[in-house]
Amino acid sequence: MLPSQPLLHAAVFALTVLQALASDTFIAAVYEHAVILPDATDEPVSPDDALALMNKNMDVLEGAIKEAAQQGAHIIVTPEDGIYGWRFTRETIYPYLEDIPDPAVNWVPCTDPTRFAPAPVQERLSCMARNNSIYVVANIGDKKPCNASDPSCPGDGRYQYNTDVVFDPEGKLVARYHKENIGKLRMSQTWIFLSAEIICLSPVTIAFVFFSALQSPWTVLHFLLVLGASSASMPLRTKVTNPVSWHQILPAPHHYYFSSVCLLGHQNYKVGGETREIILRGVAGSGIYAPDGARTYYYNMKTEDGRLLVAKLDSHPRLSPASPPAVSWSSYASSVKRFSPNDHDFEGLIFHDKFTFTELTKPEGNITVCQKDLCCHLNYKMAGKREDEVYVLGAFDGLHVVEGQYYLQICTLLKCQSTDRNTCGQPVETAQTKFEMFSLSGTFGTHYVFPEVLYSGIELAPGEFQVLNDGRLMSKTRPTKPVITVTLFGRWYERD
C-alpha cells in the first residue's frame, strides 16, 4: 500500500521547502535508555500509577534531551518502550495509552493540554521539545475506539497502537506513525498492539520518515522511491528515524542491516535508539548511521547507564564527498570458479534460517560455500589460529519466515559459540582470534547488499574495512580486534 497522491504531492512540496531552507549540516542525537520497568501484574494499574511510572522514565529522557540541546542537536530520537517498558498484556498496558490525534489538528500540547482528552505524556514531551528548541522523537501508545461492525475490531472495542510521535521545536505534534509489524499481523488478535496505516505523517514534517526496521522495509523503500529519494537529481533531505526495542540476533544482527536498507541504497540517514534490560534481553545497541557507515554507535550489556550519542550529518548526503559509489555486488564472486560441496560443509541455524557452513580448518586460505544460487568466497589469513575457537564461512539463500517473510542472501564469516560445530550460528559476543586480513564476496542476485564487521564485544569497525566496486568486502589494514563476524547481508525484495 502506497501513500495517496495528495499526500505524495504534499510530501514532495514539503521536502522541497525543507531542502531550500536547510543548512549543509545538522546535528542528530540518540539516547539509549535502561528503562524503569513496571511491576509484573495480571491486573491493570490505575491511570495515576501508570503515569507515575512513565514520569520516572520521562525524567531520565528529559535530562538527555536537555543535554542533547546543549550540544547543539536539532533532533533527538528516544527509545521504543522507553517510557513504559514492555512487561504487559493487552489489558494491562491500557492505562498507559493516550489518544493521539492526527497531526493535521495543529496542536501544541504544552500550551493547550486540555484541547483533547487527557494526554499528560504528550503534554510533557511537547514541553521538552518546546523548552529545549529541539525535535523530539518518542515512542508511546495510542488508543482508538472501534465499532463491532468492523470485522477487525478486537472484542474489547478498541485498537491499540505502538506509536512513534514527533514534536517540533515549538512543541507542536507534527508526526504520528502507527508502527507496522508484518509478523505480528499473523498472530492472535489478542496481541498488545495491532497494526495500522503504513505511513501517517503530517506533510509539514514529511522529512522524518518512520519505520521499524524489520517490520516494513519494503513499504518504506517504495515510499522513498515514489518521493524520488533515489534520484540523483533530487537530493532529498529525508531522514529515517527508528525508535526500536529489538532482540540482537548474533552473529547476524538484523537490526543494523535493516537500519541500512534505506541508507546505502537511497543515501539517507537513520538514527535509532534502544531500550535495554540487562542480561534478560539482548538488543542491538543504538547508533546514528550514514550512507558511508556508522557515525556513532554504542552497545553495552554490562551496566545500566544510559548513553547519549550525538553526531553531525550532511543535510544532502548525495552531494557529500563521502557518498559511496555504486557497487556491482556479484562481479568479483561470479568470476570465481564454483566449487562442489566439500567434506567440511554442514548445516546450522541462525535465527531459524538454515545456513550451509564450511569450517576454516587452516590459518589462511581461499574457501567457498554455496547454497542454491548464492556462492560465498572468502580469502583470509589469521594472525594465529586458536584451537579453542572455531570459525566458519556460511551461506543462506532463501525466504525467512519468522516475524514476517523476506528473501535473504547472506554471506558470513563468523565465530562459533564453542568448538562444537553444532553451536555455529548461536549468539556470540566475544572472541580471541585476530585476522591479518579478510576478503568476502558473493554471487548476489540483488543490489541491496549491506556490509558489516563486528569485533569482540559487539563493536562496529568503522574505517577498518572497505567495499570495492566489484563487491568485495575487505579489511583495509590488519583488524585491530578479534573478529566475531564479517557479513554481507542481501535483501532480495522481488522474491519476497
Protein backbone atom coordinates (compact mmCIF):
# COMPACT_ATOMS: atom_id res chain seq x y z
CA MET A 1 0.00 0.00 0.00
CA LEU A 2 1.48 3.35 -1.09
CA PRO A 3 0.60 6.82 0.17
CA SER A 4 -2.22 8.66 -1.59
CA GLN A 5 -1.45 11.11 -4.40
CA PRO A 6 -2.42 14.18 -2.31
CA LEU A 7 -0.05 13.02 0.44
CA LEU A 8 2.72 12.44 -2.07
CA HIS A 9 2.24 15.88 -3.63
CA ALA A 10 2.28 17.49 -0.20
CA ALA A 11 5.30 15.46 0.77
CA VAL A 12 7.29 16.47 -2.28
CA PHE A 13 6.33 20.10 -1.72
CA ALA A 14 7.32 19.98 1.94
CA LEU A 15 10.60 18.28 1.14
CA THR A 16 11.36 20.91 -1.47
CA VAL A 17 10.75 23.65 1.07
CA LEU A 18 12.86 21.91 3.68
CA GLN A 19 15.62 21.39 1.17
CA ALA A 20 15.65 25.05 0.22
CA LEU A 21 15.76 26.20 3.83
CA ALA A 22 18.16 23.59 5.15
CA SER A 23 21.77 24.24 6.04
CA ASP A 24 24.55 22.00 4.80
CA THR A 25 24.68 20.03 8.04
CA PHE A 26 22.56 19.22 11.05
CA ILE A 27 23.21 17.55 14.39
CA ALA A 28 21.30 14.43 15.43
CA ALA A 29 21.21 12.73 18.81
CA VAL A 30 20.03 9.36 20.05
CA TYR A 31 19.62 8.17 23.62
CA GLU A 32 19.95 4.57 24.78
CA HIS A 33 17.95 4.05 27.94
CA ALA A 34 17.87 1.31 30.59
CA VAL A 35 14.14 1.72 31.08
CA ILE A 36 12.50 1.60 34.51
CA LEU A 37 10.01 -1.25 34.24
CA PRO A 38 6.62 -1.67 35.90
CA ASP A 39 5.99 -4.48 38.33
CA ALA A 40 4.71 -7.65 36.71
CA THR A 41 0.95 -7.88 37.18
CA ASP A 42 -2.06 -9.57 35.65
CA GLU A 43 -4.36 -6.69 36.58
CA PRO A 44 -4.31 -3.16 35.11
CA VAL A 45 -2.90 -0.49 37.41
CA SER A 46 -4.65 2.82 37.97
CA PRO A 47 -4.02 5.67 35.50
CA ASP A 48 -2.23 7.57 38.28
CA ASP A 49 0.14 4.68 38.94
CA ALA A 50 0.76 4.28 35.20
CA LEU A 51 1.60 7.98 34.86
CA ALA A 52 3.90 7.84 37.88
CA LEU A 53 5.95 5.08 36.24
CA MET A 54 6.06 6.94 32.93
CA ASN A 55 7.14 10.15 34.64
CA LYS A 56 10.12 8.35 36.15
CA ASN A 57 11.29 7.35 32.70
CA MET A 58 10.49 10.78 31.25
CA ASP A 59 12.62 12.34 34.00
CA VAL A 60 15.54 10.40 32.55
CA LEU A 61 14.67 11.28 28.96
CA GLU A 62 14.25 14.94 29.83
CA GLY A 63 17.80 15.07 31.14
CA ALA A 64 19.07 13.51 27.92
CA ILE A 65 17.04 15.93 25.80
CA LYS A 66 18.44 18.92 27.67
CA GLU A 67 21.99 17.64 27.26
CA ALA A 68 21.45 17.00 23.55
CA ALA A 69 20.12 20.52 23.05
CA GLN A 70 23.09 21.96 24.91
CA GLN A 71 25.35 20.11 22.47
CA GLY A 72 23.54 21.74 19.56
CA ALA A 73 21.37 18.81 18.46
CA HIS A 74 18.45 19.65 16.18
CA ILE A 75 16.67 16.31 16.71
CA ILE A 76 16.83 13.55 19.32
CA VAL A 77 15.43 10.04 19.00
CA THR A 78 14.41 8.33 22.23
CA PRO A 79 13.89 4.56 22.50
CA GLU A 80 10.95 2.34 21.74
CA ASP A 81 9.36 1.21 25.03
CA GLY A 82 11.48 3.89 26.71
CA ILE A 83 8.55 5.45 28.58
CA TYR A 84 6.62 2.45 29.90
CA GLY A 85 8.68 -0.68 29.17
CA TRP A 86 7.34 -3.91 27.73
CA ARG A 87 6.03 -6.09 30.57
CA PHE A 88 2.39 -6.03 29.52
CA THR A 89 -0.58 -7.93 28.29
CA ARG A 90 -3.13 -6.24 26.06
CA GLU A 91 -5.22 -5.45 29.12
CA THR A 92 -2.50 -4.26 31.48
CA ILE A 93 -0.99 -1.79 29.01
CA TYR A 94 -4.26 0.07 28.53
CA PRO A 95 -3.80 2.58 31.42
CA TYR A 96 -0.54 3.69 29.77
CA LEU A 97 -2.14 4.62 26.43
CA GLU A 98 -3.31 8.03 25.27
CA ASP A 99 -5.48 9.20 22.37
CA ILE A 100 -3.02 10.66 19.87
CA PRO A 101 -4.77 12.94 17.34
CA ASP A 102 -3.90 13.35 13.69
CA PRO A 103 -1.07 15.91 13.42
CA ALA A 104 -3.22 17.91 10.99
CA VAL A 105 -5.08 19.34 14.02
CA ASN A 106 -2.17 21.78 14.59
CA TRP A 107 -1.81 21.13 18.32
CA VAL A 108 0.82 22.17 20.87
CA PRO A 109 0.03 20.06 23.96
CA CYS A 110 2.44 22.07 26.12
CA THR A 111 0.40 25.26 25.76
CA ASP A 112 -3.04 23.73 25.19
CA PRO A 113 -3.13 20.49 27.22
CA THR A 114 -6.92 20.31 27.60
CA ARG A 115 -7.88 20.64 23.94
CA PHE A 116 -8.30 16.88 23.61
CA ALA A 117 -8.69 14.00 26.06
CA PRO A 118 -6.24 13.95 28.97
CA ALA A 119 -2.76 13.49 27.48
CA PRO A 120 -0.15 14.17 30.19
CA VAL A 121 2.55 12.21 28.36
CA GLN A 122 2.08 14.15 25.12
CA GLU A 123 1.97 17.37 27.12
CA ARG A 124 5.27 16.64 28.80
CA LEU A 125 7.01 15.52 25.61
CA SER A 126 5.72 18.66 23.89
CA CYS A 127 7.17 20.82 26.66
CA MET A 128 10.51 19.00 26.46
CA ALA A 129 10.71 19.88 22.77
CA ARG A 130 9.49 23.45 23.25
CA ASN A 131 11.66 24.26 26.27
CA ASN A 132 14.79 22.96 24.54
CA SER A 133 14.01 24.06 20.96
CA ILE A 134 14.60 20.60 19.54
CA TYR A 135 12.68 17.97 17.58
CA VAL A 136 11.79 15.12 19.94
CA VAL A 137 11.00 11.65 18.56
CA ALA A 138 9.37 9.37 21.12
CA ASN A 139 7.53 6.06 21.28
CA ILE A 140 4.21 5.90 23.15
CA GLY A 141 0.91 4.03 22.90
CA ASP A 142 -2.20 5.21 21.04
CA LYS A 143 -5.77 4.01 21.63
CA LYS A 144 -8.75 4.36 19.33
CA PRO A 145 -12.33 3.07 19.78
CA CYS A 146 -13.70 0.80 17.07
CA ASN A 147 -17.15 -0.43 16.12
CA ALA A 148 -18.23 -4.04 16.50
CA SER A 149 -19.40 -3.90 12.87
CA ASP A 150 -15.73 -3.62 11.89
CA PRO A 151 -14.61 -7.26 11.37
CA SER A 152 -11.08 -6.40 12.53
CA CYS A 153 -12.26 -4.68 15.72
CA PRO A 154 -11.00 -6.57 18.80
CA GLY A 155 -13.51 -7.88 21.28
CA ASP A 156 -12.76 -5.10 23.78
CA GLY A 157 -13.86 -2.48 21.25
CA ARG A 158 -10.58 -0.64 20.82
CA TYR A 159 -7.49 -0.53 18.70
CA GLN A 160 -4.17 -0.18 20.47
CA TYR A 161 -1.18 1.06 18.51
CA ASN A 162 2.56 1.10 19.12
CA THR A 163 3.15 4.67 18.00
CA ASP A 164 6.06 6.96 17.17
CA VAL A 165 5.43 10.69 17.51
CA VAL A 166 7.42 13.83 16.75
CA PHE A 167 7.18 17.22 18.42
CA ASP A 168 8.86 20.16 16.72
CA PRO A 169 10.95 22.85 18.49
CA GLU A 170 7.75 24.77 19.24
CA GLY A 171 6.24 21.72 20.88
CA LYS A 172 3.72 21.03 18.12
CA LEU A 173 2.74 17.46 17.30
CA VAL A 174 3.95 17.16 13.71
CA ALA A 175 4.10 13.43 13.02
CA ARG A 176 2.41 10.24 14.18
CA TYR A 177 3.25 6.76 12.95
CA HIS A 178 1.42 3.60 13.99
CA LYS A 179 4.21 1.07 13.69
CA GLU A 180 3.70 -1.86 11.34
CA ASN A 181 4.85 -5.37 12.20
CA ILE A 182 4.12 -7.89 9.49
CA GLY A 183 4.95 -10.85 11.72
CA LYS A 184 2.57 -9.86 14.50
CA LEU A 185 -0.22 -9.28 11.99
CA ARG A 186 -0.32 -13.04 11.62
CA MET A 187 -0.55 -13.60 15.35
CA SER A 188 -3.60 -13.66 17.58
CA GLN A 189 -5.87 -10.63 17.70
CA THR A 190 -5.15 -10.54 21.41
CA TRP A 191 -1.70 -9.09 20.71
CA ILE A 192 -0.94 -5.99 22.74
CA PHE A 193 -0.76 -3.74 19.69
CA LEU A 194 -2.43 -4.06 16.32
CA SER A 195 -1.02 -2.77 13.05
CA ALA A 196 -2.24 0.36 11.37
CA GLU A 197 -1.51 2.59 8.42
CA ILE A 198 1.90 2.25 6.79
CA ILE A 199 2.59 5.97 6.61
CA CYS A 200 0.79 8.55 8.74
CA LEU A 201 2.75 11.80 8.62
CA SER A 202 2.00 15.46 8.62
CA PRO A 203 3.24 16.95 5.32
CA VAL A 204 4.97 19.65 7.34
CA THR A 205 7.48 17.13 8.64
CA ILE A 206 7.49 14.53 5.93
CA ALA A 207 11.28 14.76 6.12
CA PHE A 208 11.07 12.39 9.06
CA VAL A 209 10.01 9.01 7.67
CA PHE A 210 9.44 6.44 10.39
CA PHE A 211 9.74 2.72 10.16
CA SER A 212 10.58 -0.18 12.39
CA ALA A 213 13.45 -1.78 10.56
CA LEU A 214 12.36 -5.42 10.44
CA GLN A 215 8.73 -4.55 10.28
CA SER A 216 8.13 -2.91 6.93
CA PRO A 217 11.25 -2.04 4.93
CA TRP A 218 9.67 -2.90 1.58
CA THR A 219 6.86 -0.42 2.04
CA VAL A 220 9.17 2.35 3.20
CA LEU A 221 11.55 1.59 0.34
CA HIS A 222 8.73 2.13 -2.14
CA PHE A 223 7.64 5.26 -0.31
CA LEU A 224 11.12 6.74 -0.68
CA LEU A 225 11.29 5.65 -4.32
CA VAL A 226 7.98 7.35 -5.10
CA LEU A 227 9.19 10.52 -3.42
CA GLY A 228 12.30 10.40 -5.57
CA ALA A 229 14.77 9.70 -2.79
CA SER A 230 16.88 7.56 -5.10
CA SER A 231 17.07 10.21 -7.81
CA ALA A 232 20.40 11.98 -8.11
CA SER A 233 18.56 14.99 -9.49
CA MET A 234 16.55 15.34 -6.28
CA PRO A 235 18.86 15.03 -3.26
CA LEU A 236 16.09 14.93 -0.70
CA ARG A 237 16.66 15.67 2.95
CA THR A 238 14.77 12.57 4.01
CA LYS A 239 15.75 11.17 7.38
CA VAL A 240 14.77 7.78 8.69
CA THR A 241 14.30 7.56 12.45
CA ASN A 242 13.84 4.25 14.15
CA PRO A 243 12.98 4.01 17.85
CA VAL A 244 13.13 0.25 18.30
CA SER A 245 13.45 -2.34 21.04
CA TRP A 246 14.61 -5.48 19.33
CA HIS A 247 16.45 -8.64 20.21
CA GLN A 248 20.03 -8.87 19.00
CA ILE A 249 20.36 -11.83 16.66
CA LEU A 250 24.08 -12.52 16.55
CA PRO A 251 26.10 -13.33 14.61
CA ALA A 252 23.78 -11.71 12.06
CA PRO A 253 22.50 -8.54 13.79
CA HIS A 254 19.39 -7.89 11.70
CA HIS A 255 18.75 -4.57 13.46
CA TYR A 256 21.79 -2.95 11.91
CA TYR A 257 21.26 -4.40 8.44
CA PHE A 258 17.65 -3.36 8.16
CA SER A 259 18.59 0.02 9.55
CA SER A 260 20.80 0.27 6.49
CA VAL A 261 18.12 -0.70 3.97
CA CYS A 262 17.11 2.88 3.21
CA LEU A 263 20.57 4.32 3.75
CA LEU A 264 23.14 2.86 1.42
CA GLY A 265 20.57 2.33 -1.31
CA HIS A 266 18.98 5.76 -1.02
CA GLN A 267 21.62 7.95 0.57
CA ASN A 268 19.60 8.85 3.66
CA TYR A 269 20.31 8.86 7.38
CA LYS A 270 18.96 6.81 10.23
CA VAL A 271 19.02 7.50 13.95
CA GLY A 272 17.76 4.79 16.27
CA GLY A 273 17.50 4.23 20.00
CA GLU A 274 17.22 1.09 22.09
CA THR A 275 15.84 0.19 25.46
CA ARG A 276 17.75 -2.37 27.45
CA GLU A 277 17.08 -4.93 30.13
CA ILE A 278 20.42 -6.19 31.39
CA ILE A 279 21.09 -9.93 30.95
CA LEU A 280 17.46 -10.84 30.27
CA ARG A 281 17.33 -9.27 26.87
CA GLY A 282 19.92 -8.97 24.13
CA VAL A 283 19.45 -5.93 21.91
CA ALA A 284 21.40 -4.36 19.13
CA GLY A 285 22.68 -1.13 20.60
CA SER A 286 21.98 2.42 19.47
CA GLY A 287 23.53 4.44 16.72
CA ILE A 288 23.46 7.11 14.07
CA TYR A 289 24.12 5.65 10.64
CA ALA A 290 25.11 7.45 7.45
CA PRO A 291 25.47 6.15 3.88
CA ASP A 292 29.19 5.68 4.43
CA GLY A 293 28.77 3.76 7.69
CA ALA A 294 28.05 4.28 11.37
CA ARG A 295 28.82 7.79 12.58
CA THR A 296 28.41 6.73 16.19
CA TYR A 297 27.31 3.51 17.84
CA TYR A 298 27.00 2.15 21.38
CA TYR A 299 26.38 -1.35 22.71
CA ASN A 300 26.58 -2.19 26.40
CA MET A 301 25.06 -5.14 28.22
CA LYS A 302 27.19 -4.81 31.36
CA THR A 303 25.88 -1.66 33.01
CA GLU A 304 22.54 0.10 33.30
CA ASP A 305 23.91 3.53 32.42
CA GLY A 306 22.14 5.46 29.70
CA ARG A 307 24.16 6.85 26.83
CA LEU A 308 23.63 9.94 24.69
CA LEU A 309 25.09 9.80 21.19
CA VAL A 310 25.49 12.93 19.08
CA ALA A 311 26.75 13.28 15.51
CA LYS A 312 26.90 15.88 12.75
CA LEU A 313 25.36 14.80 9.45
CA ASP A 314 25.23 16.22 5.95
CA SER A 315 21.84 17.62 5.03
CA HIS A 316 22.30 16.43 1.44
CA PRO A 317 24.23 13.17 1.63
CA ARG A 318 24.04 12.52 -2.12
CA LEU A 319 26.08 15.67 -2.66
CA SER A 320 28.60 14.74 0.01
CA PRO A 321 32.10 13.58 -1.00
CA ALA A 322 31.51 10.64 1.36
CA SER A 323 28.64 9.35 -0.76
CA PRO A 324 29.63 5.76 -1.64
CA PRO A 325 29.97 4.73 -5.29
CA ALA A 326 27.75 2.13 -6.90
CA VAL A 327 28.82 -1.45 -6.25
CA SER A 328 28.41 -4.44 -8.57
CA TRP A 329 27.86 -6.93 -5.77
CA SER A 330 28.24 -10.12 -7.80
CA SER A 331 31.02 -9.00 -10.15
CA TYR A 332 34.06 -10.50 -8.41
CA ALA A 333 32.37 -13.59 -6.97
CA SER A 334 30.89 -14.53 -10.36
CA SER A 335 34.39 -14.73 -11.79
CA VAL A 336 35.50 -17.28 -9.19
CA LYS A 337 35.15 -20.95 -10.06
CA ARG A 338 32.16 -22.54 -8.33
CA PHE A 339 33.36 -25.48 -6.25
CA SER A 340 31.44 -28.64 -5.43
CA PRO A 341 30.43 -29.19 -1.80
CA ASN A 342 33.39 -30.31 0.27
CA ASP A 343 33.82 -32.58 3.28
CA HIS A 344 33.70 -29.65 5.68
CA ASP A 345 30.21 -28.46 4.64
CA PHE A 346 27.46 -28.82 7.23
CA GLU A 347 24.17 -27.14 8.16
CA GLY A 348 23.39 -24.81 11.03
CA LEU A 349 20.75 -22.29 12.08
CA ILE A 350 20.92 -18.54 12.52
CA PHE A 351 17.59 -17.21 13.79
CA HIS A 352 15.66 -20.11 12.24
CA ASP A 353 17.39 -19.77 8.86
CA LYS A 354 19.24 -22.91 7.70
CA PHE A 355 22.74 -21.94 6.59
CA THR A 356 25.30 -24.04 4.79
CA PHE A 357 28.62 -23.74 6.64
CA THR A 358 32.18 -24.78 5.91
CA GLU A 359 34.87 -24.65 8.58
CA LEU A 360 38.07 -22.64 8.37
CA THR A 361 40.43 -25.52 9.17
CA LYS A 362 43.66 -23.72 8.28
CA PRO A 363 45.16 -20.43 9.47
CA GLU A 364 44.88 -19.00 5.95
CA GLY A 365 43.37 -19.83 2.60
CA ASN A 366 40.65 -19.36 -0.02
CA ILE A 367 37.36 -21.16 0.61
CA THR A 368 33.91 -21.26 -0.95
CA VAL A 369 30.50 -22.34 0.28
CA CYS A 370 27.31 -22.38 -1.80
CA GLN A 371 23.57 -22.61 -1.22
CA LYS A 372 21.17 -22.51 -4.18
CA ASP A 373 22.23 -19.59 -6.40
CA LEU A 374 24.49 -17.97 -3.82
CA CYS A 375 28.19 -18.82 -3.59
CA CYS A 376 30.25 -17.07 -0.92
CA HIS A 377 34.01 -16.71 -1.31
CA LEU A 378 36.48 -15.91 1.46
CA ASN A 379 40.18 -15.14 1.26
CA TYR A 380 41.65 -14.84 4.76
CA LYS A 381 44.70 -15.03 6.97
CA MET A 382 44.54 -15.40 10.73
CA ALA A 383 47.18 -13.83 12.94
CA GLY A 384 47.29 -17.17 14.74
CA LYS A 385 44.77 -19.99 14.66
CA ARG A 386 43.50 -20.85 18.13
CA GLU A 387 42.45 -24.41 18.81
CA ASP A 388 39.76 -23.30 21.26
CA GLU A 389 37.87 -21.22 18.69
CA VAL A 390 36.12 -22.35 15.51
CA TYR A 391 35.28 -20.08 12.57
CA VAL A 392 33.07 -20.93 9.62
CA LEU A 393 32.03 -19.43 6.31
CA GLY A 394 28.25 -19.55 5.85
CA ALA A 395 25.75 -19.01 3.03
CA PHE A 396 21.98 -18.57 3.14
CA ASP A 397 19.78 -18.12 0.08
CA GLY A 398 16.09 -18.30 0.89
CA LEU A 399 12.90 -16.94 2.35
CA HIS A 400 12.99 -16.03 6.02
CA VAL A 401 9.57 -16.81 7.53
CA VAL A 402 9.83 -15.79 11.20
CA GLU A 403 8.32 -12.40 12.14
CA GLY A 404 7.42 -11.74 8.53
CA GLN A 405 8.53 -13.10 5.17
CA TYR A 406 11.50 -11.64 3.36
CA TYR A 407 14.01 -13.14 0.96
CA LEU A 408 17.61 -13.04 2.08
CA GLN A 409 21.01 -13.79 0.61
CA ILE A 410 23.73 -13.78 3.26
CA CYS A 411 27.45 -14.48 3.18
CA THR A 412 29.05 -14.54 6.61
CA LEU A 413 32.36 -15.35 8.26
CA LEU A 414 31.55 -15.99 11.89
CA LYS A 415 32.88 -17.37 15.14
CA CYS A 416 31.05 -20.37 16.57
CA GLN A 417 29.89 -20.32 20.16
CA SER A 418 32.21 -23.20 21.05
CA THR A 419 34.39 -25.83 19.39
CA ASP A 420 31.25 -27.92 18.93
CA ARG A 421 30.15 -27.24 15.34
CA ASN A 422 26.52 -27.63 16.44
CA THR A 423 26.85 -24.22 18.13
CA CYS A 424 27.77 -22.42 14.91
CA GLY A 425 25.18 -19.71 14.36
CA GLN A 426 24.26 -19.36 18.03
CA PRO A 427 24.77 -15.98 19.77
CA VAL A 428 28.38 -14.91 20.29
CA GLU A 429 29.64 -11.70 21.89
CA THR A 430 33.37 -12.24 22.45
CA ALA A 431 36.32 -13.71 20.57
CA GLN A 432 40.10 -14.01 20.86
CA THR A 433 41.18 -14.72 17.29
CA LYS A 434 42.62 -11.86 15.25
CA PHE A 435 42.91 -11.81 11.49
CA GLU A 436 45.71 -10.41 9.36
CA MET A 437 43.25 -9.84 6.54
CA PHE A 438 39.94 -10.95 5.05
CA SER A 439 38.10 -10.55 1.73
CA LEU A 440 34.46 -11.70 1.46
CA SER A 441 32.26 -11.71 -1.65
CA GLY A 442 29.18 -13.46 -3.02
CA THR A 443 27.17 -14.08 -6.19
CA PHE A 444 24.28 -11.91 -5.08
CA GLY A 445 21.15 -11.54 -7.19
CA THR A 446 20.20 -8.24 -5.54
CA HIS A 447 21.68 -4.75 -5.46
CA TYR A 448 20.60 -4.31 -1.83
CA VAL A 449 23.60 -5.75 -0.03
CA PHE A 450 24.87 -4.32 3.24
CA PRO A 451 28.35 -4.96 4.69
CA GLU A 452 29.12 -5.38 8.36
CA VAL A 453 32.13 -6.19 10.51
CA LEU A 454 31.70 -6.83 14.23
CA TYR A 455 34.59 -7.10 16.64
CA SER A 456 34.69 -8.80 20.03
CA GLY A 457 32.34 -7.06 22.45
CA ILE A 458 29.85 -6.30 19.67
CA GLU A 459 31.89 -3.38 18.41
CA LEU A 460 31.48 -1.97 14.92
CA ALA A 461 34.63 -1.43 12.91
CA PRO A 462 34.14 1.88 11.05
CA GLY A 463 37.08 2.85 8.88
CA GLU A 464 38.76 -0.56 9.12
CA PHE A 465 37.15 -2.19 6.08
CA GLN A 466 36.17 -1.18 2.57
CA VAL A 467 33.86 -2.38 -0.17
CA LEU A 468 35.39 -2.48 -3.64
CA ASN A 469 33.33 -1.71 -6.73
CA ASP A 470 33.43 -5.40 -7.66
CA GLY A 471 31.59 -6.41 -4.47
CA ARG A 472 34.46 -7.50 -2.22
CA LEU A 473 34.26 -6.60 1.48
CA MET A 474 37.91 -6.27 2.51
CA SER A 475 39.93 -5.25 5.53
CA LYS A 476 41.86 -2.03 4.88
CA THR A 477 44.58 -2.85 7.34
CA ARG A 478 45.13 -5.58 9.89
CA PRO A 479 41.96 -5.67 12.06
CA THR A 480 42.72 -4.17 15.46
CA LYS A 481 40.50 -6.54 17.47
CA PRO A 482 39.31 -10.16 17.37
CA VAL A 483 36.54 -10.76 14.84
CA ILE A 484 33.06 -12.06 15.66
CA THR A 485 31.58 -11.76 12.18
CA VAL A 486 32.22 -10.34 8.72
CA THR A 487 28.95 -10.33 6.79
CA LEU A 488 27.38 -9.31 3.51
CA PHE A 489 23.62 -9.14 4.10
CA GLY A 490 21.48 -9.14 0.97
CA ARG A 491 17.76 -8.33 0.69
CA TRP A 492 16.11 -9.60 -2.50
CA TYR A 493 12.80 -7.75 -2.39
CA GLU A 494 11.42 -9.04 -5.68
CA ARG A 495 11.40 -12.59 -4.29
CA ASP A 496 9.52 -11.80 -1.07
